[in-house]
Protein backbone atom coordinates (compact mmCIF):
# COMPACT_ATOMS: atom_id res chain seq x y z
CA UNK A 1 -9.35 29.18 -3.63
CA UNK A 2 -6.66 29.09 -6.31
CA UNK A 3 -5.65 26.54 -8.90
CA UNK A 4 -2.08 26.57 -7.64
CA UNK A 5 -0.88 23.25 -6.24
CA UNK A 6 -0.41 22.98 -2.51
CA UNK A 7 3.22 23.24 -1.42
CA UNK A 8 4.64 19.89 -0.42
CA UNK A 9 7.54 18.97 1.76
CA UNK A 10 10.65 17.43 0.24
CA UNK A 11 10.21 13.92 -1.09
CA UNK A 12 13.03 11.73 0.20
CA UNK A 13 13.91 8.32 -1.13
CA UNK A 14 14.05 5.38 1.24
CA UNK A 15 17.79 5.16 0.61
CA UNK A 16 18.25 8.80 1.66
CA UNK A 17 16.18 8.26 4.79
CA UNK A 18 17.91 5.03 5.78
CA UNK A 19 21.38 6.45 5.21
CA UNK A 20 20.71 9.66 7.16
CA UNK A 21 22.33 9.99 10.56
CA UNK A 22 20.11 8.78 13.39
CA UNK A 23 19.89 12.24 14.94
CA UNK A 24 18.14 13.83 11.96
CA UNK A 25 14.43 14.34 12.39
CA UNK A 26 11.96 13.10 9.80
CA UNK A 27 10.39 15.78 7.61
CA UNK A 28 7.12 17.01 9.07
CA UNK A 29 3.89 16.34 7.26
CA UNK A 30 2.76 19.20 5.10
CA UNK A 31 -0.41 20.88 6.31
CA UNK A 32 -3.23 19.35 4.35
CA UNK A 33 -6.50 21.17 3.78
CA UNK A 34 -9.46 19.77 5.70
CA UNK A 35 -11.13 18.43 2.56
CA UNK A 36 -8.06 16.90 0.96
CA UNK A 37 -9.14 13.31 1.48
CA UNK A 38 -7.29 12.02 -1.58
CA UNK A 39 -3.91 13.33 -0.38
CA UNK A 40 -4.37 11.96 3.15
CA UNK A 41 -5.44 8.54 1.88
CA UNK A 42 -2.57 8.39 -0.60
CA UNK A 43 -0.13 9.37 2.13
CA UNK A 44 -1.57 6.67 4.41
CA UNK A 45 -1.33 4.01 1.70
CA UNK A 46 2.24 5.04 0.78
CA UNK A 47 3.14 4.90 4.48
CA UNK A 48 1.63 1.41 4.75
CA UNK A 49 3.49 0.21 1.63
CA UNK A 50 6.80 1.54 2.94
CA UNK A 51 6.22 -0.11 6.31
CA UNK A 52 5.55 -3.44 4.62
CA UNK A 53 8.71 -3.13 2.46
CA UNK A 54 10.77 -2.28 5.55
CA UNK A 55 9.35 -5.22 7.49
CA UNK A 56 10.19 -7.54 4.59
CA UNK A 57 13.72 -6.13 4.49
CA UNK A 58 13.99 -6.61 8.28
CA UNK A 59 13.05 -10.26 7.89
CA UNK A 60 15.62 -10.76 5.12
CA UNK A 61 18.42 -9.24 7.22
CA UNK A 62 17.38 -11.16 10.31
CA UNK A 63 17.33 -14.44 8.36
CA UNK A 64 20.81 -13.70 7.01
CA UNK A 65 22.09 -12.99 10.52
CA UNK A 66 20.51 -16.18 11.87
CA UNK A 67 22.06 -18.20 9.03
CA UNK A 68 25.46 -16.65 9.77
CA UNK A 69 25.06 -17.63 13.42
CA UNK A 70 24.18 -21.20 12.49
CA UNK A 71 27.16 -21.42 10.13
CA UNK A 72 29.42 -20.18 12.92
CA UNK A 73 28.10 -23.01 15.08
CA UNK A 74 26.64 -20.78 17.77
CA UNK A 75 23.02 -21.07 16.73
CA UNK A 76 22.59 -17.44 17.77
CA UNK A 77 22.35 -14.25 15.79
CA UNK A 78 25.73 -13.16 14.51
CA UNK A 79 27.37 -10.61 16.78
CA UNK A 80 28.80 -8.53 13.93
CA UNK A 81 27.70 -4.98 14.74
CA UNK A 82 28.04 -3.84 11.12
CA UNK A 83 25.57 -6.46 9.89
CA UNK A 84 22.97 -5.32 12.44
CA UNK A 85 23.26 -1.61 11.56
CA UNK A 86 20.56 -1.77 8.85
CA UNK A 87 18.14 -3.15 11.45
CA UNK A 88 18.62 -0.05 13.60
CA UNK A 89 18.02 2.20 10.60
CA UNK A 90 14.89 0.25 9.64
CA UNK A 91 13.64 0.39 13.23
CA UNK A 92 14.16 4.16 13.34
CA UNK A 93 12.29 4.63 10.06
CA UNK A 94 9.44 2.39 11.25
CA UNK A 95 9.14 4.60 14.34
CA UNK A 96 8.91 7.67 12.09
CA UNK A 97 6.24 6.03 9.96
CA UNK A 98 4.22 5.08 13.04
CA UNK A 99 4.40 8.67 14.27
CA UNK A 100 3.20 9.87 10.86
CA UNK A 101 0.28 7.45 11.05
CA UNK A 102 -0.62 8.80 14.47
CA UNK A 103 -0.89 12.27 12.91
CA UNK A 104 -2.90 11.04 9.93
CA UNK A 105 -5.34 8.74 11.75
CA UNK A 106 -7.63 11.45 13.16
CA UNK A 107 -7.73 13.16 9.76
CA UNK A 108 -8.91 10.03 7.94
CA UNK A 109 -12.30 9.80 9.58
CA UNK A 110 -12.79 13.57 9.79
CA UNK A 111 -12.25 14.23 6.09
CA UNK A 112 -15.22 14.17 3.76
CA UNK A 113 -14.78 12.33 0.49
CA UNK A 114 -16.08 14.66 -2.21
CA UNK A 115 -15.04 12.63 -5.26
CA UNK A 116 -15.30 9.06 -6.42
CA UNK A 117 -11.55 8.72 -6.14
CA UNK A 118 -11.64 9.87 -2.53
CA UNK A 119 -14.35 7.34 -1.62
CA UNK A 120 -12.41 4.53 -3.29
CA UNK A 121 -9.18 5.58 -1.56
CA UNK A 122 -10.91 5.61 1.83
CA UNK A 123 -12.09 2.08 1.14
CA UNK A 124 -8.56 1.13 0.05
CA UNK A 125 -7.27 2.36 3.42
CA UNK A 126 -9.84 0.23 5.26
CA UNK A 127 -8.93 -2.77 3.10
CA UNK A 128 -5.21 -2.26 3.76
CA UNK A 129 -5.72 -2.10 7.52
CA UNK A 130 -8.26 -4.90 7.93
CA UNK A 131 -6.59 -8.23 8.73
CA UNK A 132 -8.06 -10.95 6.56
CA UNK A 133 -7.04 -13.55 9.16
CA UNK A 134 -9.11 -11.83 11.84
CA UNK A 135 -12.19 -11.07 9.72
CA UNK A 136 -12.21 -13.23 6.58
CA UNK A 137 -15.92 -12.81 5.87
CA UNK A 138 -15.87 -9.04 6.40
CA UNK A 139 -12.70 -8.76 4.31
CA UNK A 140 -14.39 -10.61 1.46
CA UNK A 141 -17.53 -8.48 1.83
CA UNK A 142 -15.48 -5.31 1.67
CA UNK A 143 -13.67 -6.48 -1.47
CA UNK A 144 -16.89 -7.32 -3.26
CA UNK A 145 -18.49 -4.03 -2.18
CA UNK A 146 -15.50 -2.09 -3.52
CA UNK A 147 -15.63 -3.97 -6.82
CA UNK A 148 -19.36 -3.35 -7.15
CA UNK A 149 -19.02 0.33 -6.30
CA UNK A 150 -16.20 0.69 -8.79
CA UNK A 151 -18.34 -1.03 -11.44
CA UNK A 152 -21.29 1.24 -10.70
CA UNK A 153 -19.13 4.30 -11.26
CA UNK A 154 -17.76 3.21 -14.62
CA UNK A 155 -19.04 4.98 -17.75
CA UNK A 156 -21.21 1.94 -18.61
CA UNK A 157 -22.70 1.99 -15.11
CA UNK A 158 -26.28 1.69 -16.34
CA UNK A 159 -25.65 -1.81 -17.66
CA UNK A 160 -23.49 -2.87 -14.74
CA UNK A 161 -25.88 -1.36 -12.18
CA UNK A 162 -28.74 -3.27 -13.76
CA UNK A 163 -26.86 -6.56 -13.55
CA UNK A 164 -25.94 -5.93 -9.91
CA UNK A 165 -29.56 -5.06 -9.04
CA UNK A 166 -30.77 -8.28 -10.69
CA UNK A 167 -28.17 -10.31 -8.83
CA UNK A 168 -29.21 -8.74 -5.52
CA UNK A 169 -32.89 -9.55 -6.12
CA UNK A 170 -31.95 -13.17 -6.80
CA UNK A 171 -30.38 -13.55 -3.36
CA UNK A 172 -32.93 -15.06 -0.91
CA UNK A 173 -33.49 -12.94 2.19
């Protein structure tokens, strides 16, 4: 094992990806070592964040097209092909991100978290993927557990851990 950083694929901006011709393939994921939980979780969370930004952008464009259709009196989406082009680019990028997630998903559960950061990032992934609307109680439980775990791992964890233990004993069972 060396201290040299792992080689990474080229980092492309969203603008570069969205402006690329449709026929270009997305860069492949770099091979990640089996115990590189932090890198996989960060990649997953970055993927999720980009998907959410793209979906927001999609909604903005779609709203603008609907408004243009209403102003034209048709009540339908504007037929201007140039205005819809960004939607095709966003759709193509979303497909690429979904494919990347398909590659990452099996790695997430197989990787062992060997650091505090890795454990917290795994929990961040779960939090990002859990729908609060579907499981509000579980979502809240997860958030409090993450906060408590984070507090336990702080440098003053003896004091915080003691307060958490006292609070737990006060809860009737």
